[in-house]
Amino acid sequence: MARLKAAQFDERLTLVEHLDELRTRIVISLSALAIAVGLCFWQNNLLLELANRPLPDDQLPITLSPTEPFMTTFTVSATAGLLIALPVILYQAAAFVLPALSRAERRTVIPFVVAIPFLFIAGVVFAYYVLMPVAVSFLLSFNETQFGIEVRARDYYGFLTLSLLAIGLLFQIPIVILALARLGIVTPEALAKNRRYFILAIAVIAALVTSPDPASMILTMIPIYLLFEGSIVLARMFGRPREAFEDEPDIGSTDAATSEQG
């Protein structure tokens, strides 16, 4: 029988019940992904129109093989469907893992889980509306008098989706820094002291994940650096090491111990 309700911290489940819950959550995640991909493929004209907007002068990408239009459209639809289904997938993963944590540990982890999709969406929006128009315009206009410039659909959409995903992942920097601070691996003081090394790392990463033009690199560095500085502030405010929570009594365990003594 399918199990949808999340287990409680002090609830004991058999191996079969754990596997049944895992199977149910995998089926739900795959169903959400399939529905999202199907909707995106159904509205692929709108999706491709949005993807083509960064191209200058209403230019349309070209295809060079009979199968390329279908395969490219499906790839773009699958990527967009994954982005749409991501909150459902993250919730199912969290609902399966969180019952293994105490209430004190859950209070530490849940804000991170909630913030991940919001920061990812913020990175994708920034890349689409700010970064991509500048990068595409520079790359297609560079030395344009010496080339007959055409944009191949497969290459352009691959470049677009890779850039959106990369910037979305880079916007997870506050989550990573806060998690490391909570675990006691780094301190806000150490981060501030070694700021120049992080600036160098940010510059290298920005050069790797974006187009090679200076404008795109700088546009990528600015929000990432601001996120890094904001992460230091948040680490000073909320970055209490995890060991500090180990001394906090878990409400469920305390109640269970009290009932046993009674």
C-alpha atoms as a PDB file:
ATOM      1  CA  MET A   1       0.000   0.000   0.000  1.00  0.00           C
ATOM      2  CA  ALA A   2       1.356   3.409  -0.963  1.00  0.00           C
ATOM      3  CA  ARG A   3       2.534   5.545   1.949  1.00  0.00           C
ATOM      4  CA  LEU A   4       2.174   9.313   1.504  1.00  0.00           C
ATOM      5  CA  LYS A   5       2.300  10.571   5.087  1.00  0.00           C
ATOM      6  CA  ALA A   6       5.766  11.522   6.309  1.00  0.00           C
ATOM      7  CA  ALA A   7       7.080   9.471   9.203  1.00  0.00           C
ATOM      8  CA  GLN A   8       7.577  11.046  12.619  1.00  0.00           C
ATOM      9  CA  PHE A   9      11.006  11.250  14.237  1.00  0.00           C
ATOM     10  CA  ASP A  10      10.207   8.665  16.912  1.00  0.00           C
ATOM     11  CA  GLU A  11       8.158   6.407  14.581  1.00  0.00           C
ATOM     12  CA  ARG A  12       9.674   3.019  13.811  1.00  0.00           C
ATOM     13  CA  LEU A  13       9.113   1.735  10.272  1.00  0.00           C
ATOM     14  CA  THR A  14      10.047  -1.591   8.775  1.00  0.00           C
ATOM     15  CA  LEU A  15      12.358  -1.856   5.776  1.00  0.00           C
ATOM     16  CA  VAL A  16       9.377  -2.671   3.560  1.00  0.00           C
ATOM     17  CA  GLU A  17       7.539   0.452   4.757  1.00  0.00           C
ATOM     18  CA  HIS A  18      10.626   2.615   4.063  1.00  0.00           C
ATOM     19  CA  LEU A  19      10.963   1.154   0.575  1.00  0.00           C
ATOM     20  CA  ASP A  20       7.235   1.623  -0.046  1.00  0.00           C
ATOM     21  CA  GLU A  21       7.461   5.283   0.960  1.00  0.00           C
ATOM     22  CA  LEU A  22      10.560   5.793  -1.188  1.00  0.00           C
ATOM     23  CA  ARG A  23       8.836   4.190  -4.189  1.00  0.00           C
ATOM     24  CA  THR A  24       5.762   6.377  -3.728  1.00  0.00           C
ATOM     25  CA  ARG A  25       7.809   9.575  -3.551  1.00  0.00           C
ATOM     26  CA  ILE A  26       9.847   8.596  -6.620  1.00  0.00           C
ATOM     27  CA  VAL A  27       6.626   7.907  -8.544  1.00  0.00           C
ATOM     28  CA  ILE A  28       5.205  11.295  -7.492  1.00  0.00           C
ATOM     29  CA  SER A  29       8.415  13.097  -8.512  1.00  0.00           C
ATOM     30  CA  LEU A  30       8.581  11.357 -11.891  1.00  0.00           C
ATOM     31  CA  SER A  31       4.871  12.029 -12.479  1.00  0.00           C
ATOM     32  CA  ALA A  32       5.328  15.724 -11.716  1.00  0.00           C
ATOM     33  CA  LEU A  33       8.315  15.833 -14.057  1.00  0.00           C
ATOM     34  CA  ALA A  34       6.411  14.043 -16.840  1.00  0.00           C
ATOM     35  CA  ILE A  35       3.418  16.386 -16.500  1.00  0.00           C
ATOM     36  CA  ALA A  36       5.682  19.470 -16.516  1.00  0.00           C
ATOM     37  CA  VAL A  37       7.612  18.252 -19.567  1.00  0.00           C
ATOM     38  CA  GLY A  38       4.339  17.417 -21.327  1.00  0.00           C
ATOM     39  CA  LEU A  39       2.946  20.891 -20.659  1.00  0.00           C
ATOM     40  CA  CYS A  40       6.156  22.527 -21.881  1.00  0.00           C
ATOM     41  CA  PHE A  41       6.184  20.379 -25.024  1.00  0.00           C
ATOM     42  CA  TRP A  42       2.510  21.242 -25.614  1.00  0.00           C
ATOM     43  CA  GLN A  43       3.401  24.941 -25.382  1.00  0.00           C
ATOM     44  CA  ASN A  44       6.744  24.565 -27.152  1.00  0.00           C
ATOM     45  CA  ASN A  45       6.031  27.460 -29.523  1.00  0.00           C
ATOM     46  CA  LEU A  46       5.734  29.858 -26.582  1.00  0.00           C
ATOM     47  CA  LEU A  47       8.748  28.280 -24.900  1.00  0.00           C
ATOM     48  CA  LEU A  48      10.962  28.607 -27.979  1.00  0.00           C
ATOM     49  CA  GLU A  49       9.731  32.157 -28.516  1.00  0.00           C
ATOM     50  CA  LEU A  50      10.915  33.034 -25.012  1.00  0.00           C
ATOM     51  CA  ALA A  51      14.228  31.287 -25.644  1.00  0.00           C
ATOM     52  CA  ASN A  52      14.745  33.224 -28.890  1.00  0.00           C
ATOM     53  CA  ARG A  53      14.158  36.656 -27.360  1.00  0.00           C
ATOM     54  CA  PRO A  54      17.831  37.273 -26.473  1.00  0.00           C
ATOM     55  CA  LEU A  55      18.690  36.909 -30.182  1.00  0.00           C
ATOM     56  CA  PRO A  56      18.997  40.281 -31.968  1.00  0.00           C
ATOM     57  CA  ASP A  57      16.603  41.506 -34.676  1.00  0.00           C
ATOM     58  CA  ASP A  58      14.129  38.632 -34.299  1.00  0.00           C
ATOM     59  CA  GLN A  59      16.736  36.225 -35.652  1.00  0.00           C
ATOM     60  CA  LEU A  60      15.697  32.572 -35.700  1.00  0.00           C
ATOM     61  CA  PRO A  61      18.184  29.733 -35.138  1.00  0.00           C
ATOM     62  CA  ILE A  62      18.695  27.270 -37.989  1.00  0.00           C
ATOM     63  CA  THR A  63      18.691  23.456 -38.059  1.00  0.00           C
ATOM     64  CA  LEU A  64      20.932  21.218 -40.162  1.00  0.00           C
ATOM     65  CA  SER A  65      19.299  17.795 -39.992  1.00  0.00           C
ATOM     66  CA  PRO A  66      15.780  16.352 -40.320  1.00  0.00           C
ATOM     67  CA  THR A  67      15.652  15.244 -36.679  1.00  0.00           C
ATOM     68  CA  GLU A  68      17.123  18.387 -35.158  1.00  0.00           C
ATOM     69  CA  PRO A  69      13.882  20.428 -34.842  1.00  0.00           C
ATOM     70  CA  PHE A  70      12.130  17.666 -32.882  1.00  0.00           C
ATOM     71  CA  MET A  71      15.113  16.708 -30.707  1.00  0.00           C
ATOM     72  CA  THR A  72      15.980  20.322 -29.924  1.00  0.00           C
ATOM     73  CA  THR A  73      12.378  21.151 -29.057  1.00  0.00           C
ATOM     74  CA  PHE A  74      12.130  18.116 -26.781  1.00  0.00           C
ATOM     75  CA  THR A  75      15.436  18.958 -25.053  1.00  0.00           C
ATOM     76  CA  VAL A  76      14.336  22.515 -24.330  1.00  0.00           C
ATOM     77  CA  SER A  77      10.934  21.277 -23.121  1.00  0.00           C
ATOM     78  CA  ALA A  78      12.569  18.708 -20.834  1.00  0.00           C
ATOM     79  CA  THR A  79      14.880  21.331 -19.312  1.00  0.00           C
ATOM     80  CA  ALA A  80      12.014  23.751 -18.708  1.00  0.00           C
ATOM     81  CA  GLY A  81       9.885  20.927 -17.287  1.00  0.00           C
ATOM     82  CA  LEU A  82      12.647  20.036 -14.834  1.00  0.00           C
ATOM     83  CA  LEU A  83      12.777  23.643 -13.633  1.00  0.00           C
ATOM     84  CA  ILE A  84       8.995  23.681 -13.125  1.00  0.00           C
ATOM     85  CA  ALA A  85       8.894  20.322 -11.336  1.00  0.00           C
ATOM     86  CA  LEU A  86      11.903  21.109  -9.128  1.00  0.00           C
ATOM     87  CA  PRO A  87       9.856  22.332  -6.107  1.00  0.00           C
ATOM     88  CA  VAL A  88       7.816  19.099  -6.075  1.00  0.00           C
ATOM     89  CA  ILE A  89      10.949  16.957  -6.376  1.00  0.00           C
ATOM     90  CA  LEU A  90      12.694  18.855  -3.575  1.00  0.00           C
ATOM     91  CA  TYR A  91       9.644  18.548  -1.332  1.00  0.00           C
ATOM     92  CA  GLN A  92       9.429  14.790  -1.880  1.00  0.00           C
ATOM     93  CA  ALA A  93      13.139  14.397  -1.128  1.00  0.00           C
ATOM     94  CA  ALA A  94      12.862  16.534   2.010  1.00  0.00           C
ATOM     95  CA  ALA A  95       9.732  14.725   3.218  1.00  0.00           C
ATOM     96  CA  PHE A  96      11.601  11.407   2.967  1.00  0.00           C
ATOM     97  CA  VAL A  97      14.806  12.587   4.690  1.00  0.00           C
ATOM     98  CA  LEU A  98      13.600  15.057   7.338  1.00  0.00           C
ATOM     99  CA  PRO A  99      11.862  12.470   9.589  1.00  0.00           C
ATOM    100  CA  ALA A 100      15.321  11.038  10.306  1.00  0.00           C
ATOM    101  CA  LEU A 101      16.319  14.350  11.913  1.00  0.00           C
ATOM    102  CA  SER A 102      15.412  15.606  15.355  1.00  0.00           C
ATOM    103  CA  ARG A 103      13.250  18.716  15.709  1.00  0.00           C
ATOM    104  CA  ALA A 104      16.327  20.819  16.511  1.00  0.00           C
ATOM    105  CA  GLU A 105      18.081  19.569  13.380  1.00  0.00           C
ATOM    106  CA  ARG A 106      14.966  20.162  11.299  1.00  0.00           C
ATOM    107  CA  ARG A 107      14.842  23.782  12.454  1.00  0.00           C
ATOM    108  CA  THR A 108      18.348  24.109  11.030  1.00  0.00           C
ATOM    109  CA  VAL A 109      17.793  22.306   7.720  1.00  0.00           C
ATOM    110  CA  ILE A 110      14.282  23.382   6.657  1.00  0.00           C
ATOM    111  CA  PRO A 111      15.128  27.078   5.963  1.00  0.00           C
ATOM    112  CA  PHE A 112      17.910  25.926   3.637  1.00  0.00           C
ATOM    113  CA  VAL A 113      15.599  23.538   1.779  1.00  0.00           C
ATOM    114  CA  VAL A 114      12.979  26.282   1.355  1.00  0.00           C
ATOM    115  CA  ALA A 115      15.532  28.852   0.145  1.00  0.00           C
ATOM    116  CA  ILE A 116      17.157  26.638  -2.520  1.00  0.00           C
ATOM    117  CA  PRO A 117      14.415  26.875  -5.210  1.00  0.00           C
ATOM    118  CA  PHE A 118      13.889  30.612  -4.620  1.00  0.00           C
ATOM    119  CA  LEU A 119      17.592  31.384  -5.054  1.00  0.00           C
ATOM    120  CA  PHE A 120      17.749  29.112  -8.086  1.00  0.00           C
ATOM    121  CA  ILE A 121      14.796  30.885  -9.722  1.00  0.00           C
ATOM    122  CA  ALA A 122      16.379  34.262  -8.905  1.00  0.00           C
ATOM    123  CA  GLY A 123      19.577  33.165 -10.655  1.00  0.00           C
ATOM    124  CA  VAL A 124      17.702  31.931 -13.722  1.00  0.00           C
ATOM    125  CA  VAL A 125      15.704  35.185 -13.967  1.00  0.00           C
ATOM    126  CA  PHE A 126      18.870  37.270 -13.623  1.00  0.00           C
ATOM    127  CA  ALA A 127      20.664  35.246 -16.294  1.00  0.00           C
ATOM    128  CA  TYR A 128      17.741  35.430 -18.721  1.00  0.00           C
ATOM    129  CA  TYR A 129      16.855  39.112 -18.400  1.00  0.00           C
ATOM    130  CA  VAL A 130      20.257  40.670 -17.657  1.00  0.00           C
ATOM    131  CA  LEU A 131      23.121  38.410 -18.651  1.00  0.00           C
ATOM    132  CA  MET A 132      21.958  36.635 -21.820  1.00  0.00           C
ATOM    133  CA  PRO A 133      20.981  39.717 -23.884  1.00  0.00           C
ATOM    134  CA  VAL A 134      24.413  41.259 -23.246  1.00  0.00           C
ATOM    135  CA  ALA A 135      26.323  38.027 -23.906  1.00  0.00           C
ATOM    136  CA  VAL A 136      24.425  37.104 -27.069  1.00  0.00           C
ATOM    137  CA  SER A 137      24.641  40.620 -28.470  1.00  0.00           C
ATOM    138  CA  PHE A 138      28.400  40.781 -27.912  1.00  0.00           C
ATOM    139  CA  LEU A 139      29.147  37.322 -29.285  1.00  0.00           C
ATOM    140  CA  LEU A 140      27.035  37.704 -32.438  1.00  0.00           C
ATOM    141  CA  SER A 141      28.287  41.216 -33.209  1.00  0.00           C
ATOM    142  CA  PHE A 142      31.982  40.458 -32.657  1.00  0.00           C
ATOM    143  CA  ASN A 143      33.837  40.841 -35.969  1.00  0.00           C
ATOM    144  CA  GLU A 144      30.524  40.436 -37.746  1.00  0.00           C
ATOM    145  CA  THR A 145      31.785  41.977 -40.994  1.00  0.00           C
ATOM    146  CA  GLN A 146      34.168  39.030 -41.443  1.00  0.00           C
ATOM    147  CA  PHE A 147      31.620  36.235 -40.974  1.00  0.00           C
ATOM    148  CA  GLY A 148      28.264  35.192 -42.338  1.00  0.00           C
ATOM    149  CA  ILE A 149      26.764  34.685 -38.894  1.00  0.00           C
ATOM    150  CA  GLU A 150      24.048  32.073 -38.455  1.00  0.00           C
ATOM    151  CA  VAL A 151      22.929  30.573 -35.138  1.00  0.00           C
ATOM    152  CA  ARG A 152      22.433  26.814 -34.980  1.00  0.00           C
ATOM    153  CA  ALA A 153      19.435  25.880 -32.833  1.00  0.00           C
ATOM    154  CA  ARG A 154      21.085  22.986 -30.956  1.00  0.00           C
ATOM    155  CA  ASP A 155      24.166  25.020 -30.038  1.00  0.00           C
ATOM    156  CA  TYR A 156      22.252  28.153 -29.079  1.00  0.00           C
ATOM    157  CA  TYR A 157      19.706  26.410 -26.857  1.00  0.00           C
ATOM    158  CA  GLY A 158      22.469  24.367 -25.258  1.00  0.00           C
ATOM    159  CA  PHE A 159      24.397  27.557 -24.504  1.00  0.00           C
ATOM    160  CA  LEU A 160      21.253  29.224 -23.148  1.00  0.00           C
ATOM    161  CA  THR A 161      20.152  26.377 -20.871  1.00  0.00           C
ATOM    162  CA  LEU A 162      23.686  25.724 -19.604  1.00  0.00           C
ATOM    163  CA  SER A 163      24.109  29.409 -18.723  1.00  0.00           C
ATOM    164  CA  LEU A 164      20.745  29.558 -16.934  1.00  0.00           C
ATOM    165  CA  LEU A 165      21.472  26.399 -14.937  1.00  0.00           C
ATOM    166  CA  ALA A 166      25.018  27.510 -14.070  1.00  0.00           C
ATOM    167  CA  ILE A 167      23.932  30.925 -12.796  1.00  0.00           C
ATOM    168  CA  GLY A 168      21.046  29.347 -10.893  1.00  0.00           C
ATOM    169  CA  LEU A 169      23.519  27.031  -9.151  1.00  0.00           C
ATOM    170  CA  LEU A 170      25.933  29.892  -8.423  1.00  0.00           C
ATOM    171  CA  PHE A 171      23.112  31.715  -6.631  1.00  0.00           C
ATOM    172  CA  GLN A 172      23.213  28.888  -4.062  1.00  0.00           C
ATOM    173  CA  ILE A 173      26.374  30.404  -2.537  1.00  0.00           C
ATOM    174  CA  PRO A 174      24.518  31.752   0.553  1.00  0.00           C
ATOM    175  CA  ILE A 175      23.114  28.277   1.238  1.00  0.00           C
ATOM    176  CA  VAL A 176      26.559  26.678   0.997  1.00  0.00           C
ATOM    177  CA  ILE A 177      28.231  29.274   3.212  1.00  0.00           C
ATOM    178  CA  LEU A 178      25.492  29.188   5.845  1.00  0.00           C
ATOM    179  CA  ALA A 179      25.566  25.384   5.903  1.00  0.00           C
ATOM    180  CA  LEU A 180      29.359  25.369   6.339  1.00  0.00           C
ATOM    181  CA  ALA A 181      29.058  27.956   9.113  1.00  0.00           C
ATOM    182  CA  ARG A 182      26.351  25.909  10.869  1.00  0.00           C
ATOM    183  CA  LEU A 183      28.596  22.860  10.688  1.00  0.00           C
ATOM    184  CA  GLY A 184      31.496  24.830  12.143  1.00  0.00           C
ATOM    185  CA  ILE A 185      33.705  24.256   9.079  1.00  0.00           C
ATOM    186  CA  VAL A 186      34.126  27.985   8.379  1.00  0.00           C
ATOM    187  CA  THR A 187      33.560  31.141  10.400  1.00  0.00           C
ATOM    188  CA  PRO A 188      32.366  34.587   9.264  1.00  0.00           C
ATOM    189  CA  GLU A 189      35.655  36.047  10.466  1.00  0.00           C
ATOM    190  CA  ALA A 190      37.664  33.648   8.284  1.00  0.00           C
ATOM    191  CA  LEU A 191      35.468  34.423   5.274  1.00  0.00           C
ATOM    192  CA  ALA A 192      35.926  38.176   5.723  1.00  0.00           C
ATOM    193  CA  LYS A 193      39.678  37.816   6.259  1.00  0.00           C
ATOM    194  CA  ASN A 194      40.125  35.782   3.050  1.00  0.00           C
ATOM    195  CA  ARG A 195      37.747  37.893   0.988  1.00  0.00           C
ATOM    196  CA  ARG A 196      40.336  38.577  -1.735  1.00  0.00           C
ATOM    197  CA  TYR A 197      40.714  34.857  -2.473  1.00  0.00           C
ATOM    198  CA  PHE A 198      36.968  34.470  -2.833  1.00  0.00           C
ATOM    199  CA  ILE A 199      36.863  37.447  -5.220  1.00  0.00           C
ATOM    200  CA  LEU A 200      39.521  35.729  -7.344  1.00  0.00           C
ATOM    201  CA  ALA A 201      37.549  32.456  -7.252  1.00  0.00           C
ATOM    202  CA  ILE A 202      34.356  34.290  -8.219  1.00  0.00           C
ATOM    203  CA  ALA A 203      36.155  35.878 -11.195  1.00  0.00           C
ATOM    204  CA  VAL A 204      37.458  32.501 -12.380  1.00  0.00           C
ATOM    205  CA  ILE A 205      34.044  30.851 -12.016  1.00  0.00           C
ATOM    206  CA  ALA A 206      32.309  33.732 -13.801  1.00  0.00           C
ATOM    207  CA  ALA A 207      34.768  33.413 -16.686  1.00  0.00           C
ATOM    208  CA  LEU A 208      34.130  29.665 -16.939  1.00  0.00           C
ATOM    209  CA  VAL A 209      30.321  29.629 -16.801  1.00  0.00           C
ATOM    210  CA  THR A 210      29.612  32.668 -18.981  1.00  0.00           C
ATOM    211  CA  SER A 211      30.699  33.846 -22.396  1.00  0.00           C
ATOM    212  CA  PRO A 212      34.283  35.159 -22.557  1.00  0.00           C
ATOM    213  CA  ASP A 213      33.388  38.820 -22.969  1.00  0.00           C
ATOM    214  CA  PRO A 214      34.266  41.193 -20.081  1.00  0.00           C
ATOM    215  CA  ALA A 215      30.745  42.646 -19.844  1.00  0.00           C
ATOM    216  CA  SER A 216      29.121  39.269 -19.152  1.00  0.00           C
ATOM    217  CA  MET A 217      31.864  38.360 -16.696  1.00  0.00           C
ATOM    218  CA  ILE A 218      31.416  41.578 -14.718  1.00  0.00           C
ATOM    219  CA  LEU A 219      27.624  41.280 -14.769  1.00  0.00           C
ATOM    220  CA  THR A 220      27.960  37.767 -13.350  1.00  0.00           C
ATOM    221  CA  MET A 221      30.518  38.746 -10.719  1.00  0.00           C
ATOM    222  CA  ILE A 222      28.499  41.631  -9.245  1.00  0.00           C
ATOM    223  CA  PRO A 223      25.461  39.670  -7.931  1.00  0.00           C
ATOM    224  CA  ILE A 224      27.614  36.709  -6.866  1.00  0.00           C
ATOM    225  CA  TYR A 225      29.917  38.994  -4.891  1.00  0.00           C
ATOM    226  CA  LEU A 226      26.912  40.705  -3.285  1.00  0.00           C
ATOM    227  CA  LEU A 227      25.522  37.281  -2.375  1.00  0.00           C
ATOM    228  CA  PHE A 228      28.890  36.393  -0.848  1.00  0.00           C
ATOM    229  CA  GLU A 229      28.926  39.562   1.272  1.00  0.00           C
ATOM    230  CA  GLY A 230      25.318  38.950   2.286  1.00  0.00           C
ATOM    231  CA  SER A 231      26.252  35.400   3.235  1.00  0.00           C
ATOM    232  CA  ILE A 232      28.894  36.701   5.642  1.00  0.00           C
ATOM    233  CA  VAL A 233      26.277  38.903   7.304  1.00  0.00           C
ATOM    234  CA  LEU A 234      23.816  36.013   7.543  1.00  0.00           C
ATOM    235  CA  ALA A 235      26.539  33.724   8.888  1.00  0.00           C
ATOM    236  CA  ARG A 236      27.247  36.232  11.665  1.00  0.00           C
ATOM    237  CA  MET A 237      23.544  36.390  12.514  1.00  0.00           C
ATOM    238  CA  PHE A 238      22.419  32.778  12.070  1.00  0.00           C
ATOM    239  CA  GLY A 239      25.567  30.723  11.567  1.00  0.00           C
ATOM    240  CA  ARG A 240      25.589  29.076  14.996  1.00  0.00           C
ATOM    241  CA  PRO A 241      27.509  25.782  14.718  1.00  0.00           C
ATOM    242  CA  ARG A 242      25.501  22.594  14.661  1.00  0.00           C
ATOM    243  CA  GLU A 243      26.983  21.440  17.984  1.00  0.00           C
ATOM    244  CA  ALA A 244      25.028  24.169  19.693  1.00  0.00           C
ATOM    245  CA  PHE A 245      21.820  22.330  18.822  1.00  0.00           C
ATOM    246  CA  GLU A 246      22.929  19.019  20.229  1.00  0.00           C
ATOM    247  CA  ASP A 247      22.362  20.231  23.781  1.00  0.00           C
ATOM    248  CA  GLU A 248      18.780  21.264  22.986  1.00  0.00           C
ATOM    249  CA  PRO A 249      16.296  18.583  24.114  1.00  0.00           C
ATOM    250  CA  ASP A 250      14.112  17.159  21.384  1.00  0.00           C
ATOM    251  CA  ILE A 251      10.454  17.675  22.281  1.00  0.00           C
ATOM    252  CA  GLY A 252       9.345  14.325  20.861  1.00  0.00           C
ATOM    253  CA  SER A 253      12.090  12.415  22.699  1.00  0.00           C
ATOM    254  CA  THR A 254      11.376  14.244  25.981  1.00  0.00           C
ATOM    255  CA  ASP A 255       7.694  13.429  25.775  1.00  0.00           C
ATOM    256  CA  ALA A 256       8.430   9.769  25.014  1.00  0.00           C
ATOM    257  CA  ALA A 257      10.852   9.523  27.970  1.00  0.00           C
ATOM    258  CA  THR A 258       8.308  11.162  30.290  1.00  0.00           C
ATOM    259  CA  SER A 259       5.557   8.748  29.262  1.00  0.00           C
ATOM    260  CA  GLU A 260       7.864   5.758  29.822  1.00  0.00           C
ATOM    261  CA  GLN A 261       8.737   6.972  33.346  1.00  0.00           C
ATOM    262  CA  GLY A 262       5.039   7.466  34.074  1.00  0.00           C
END
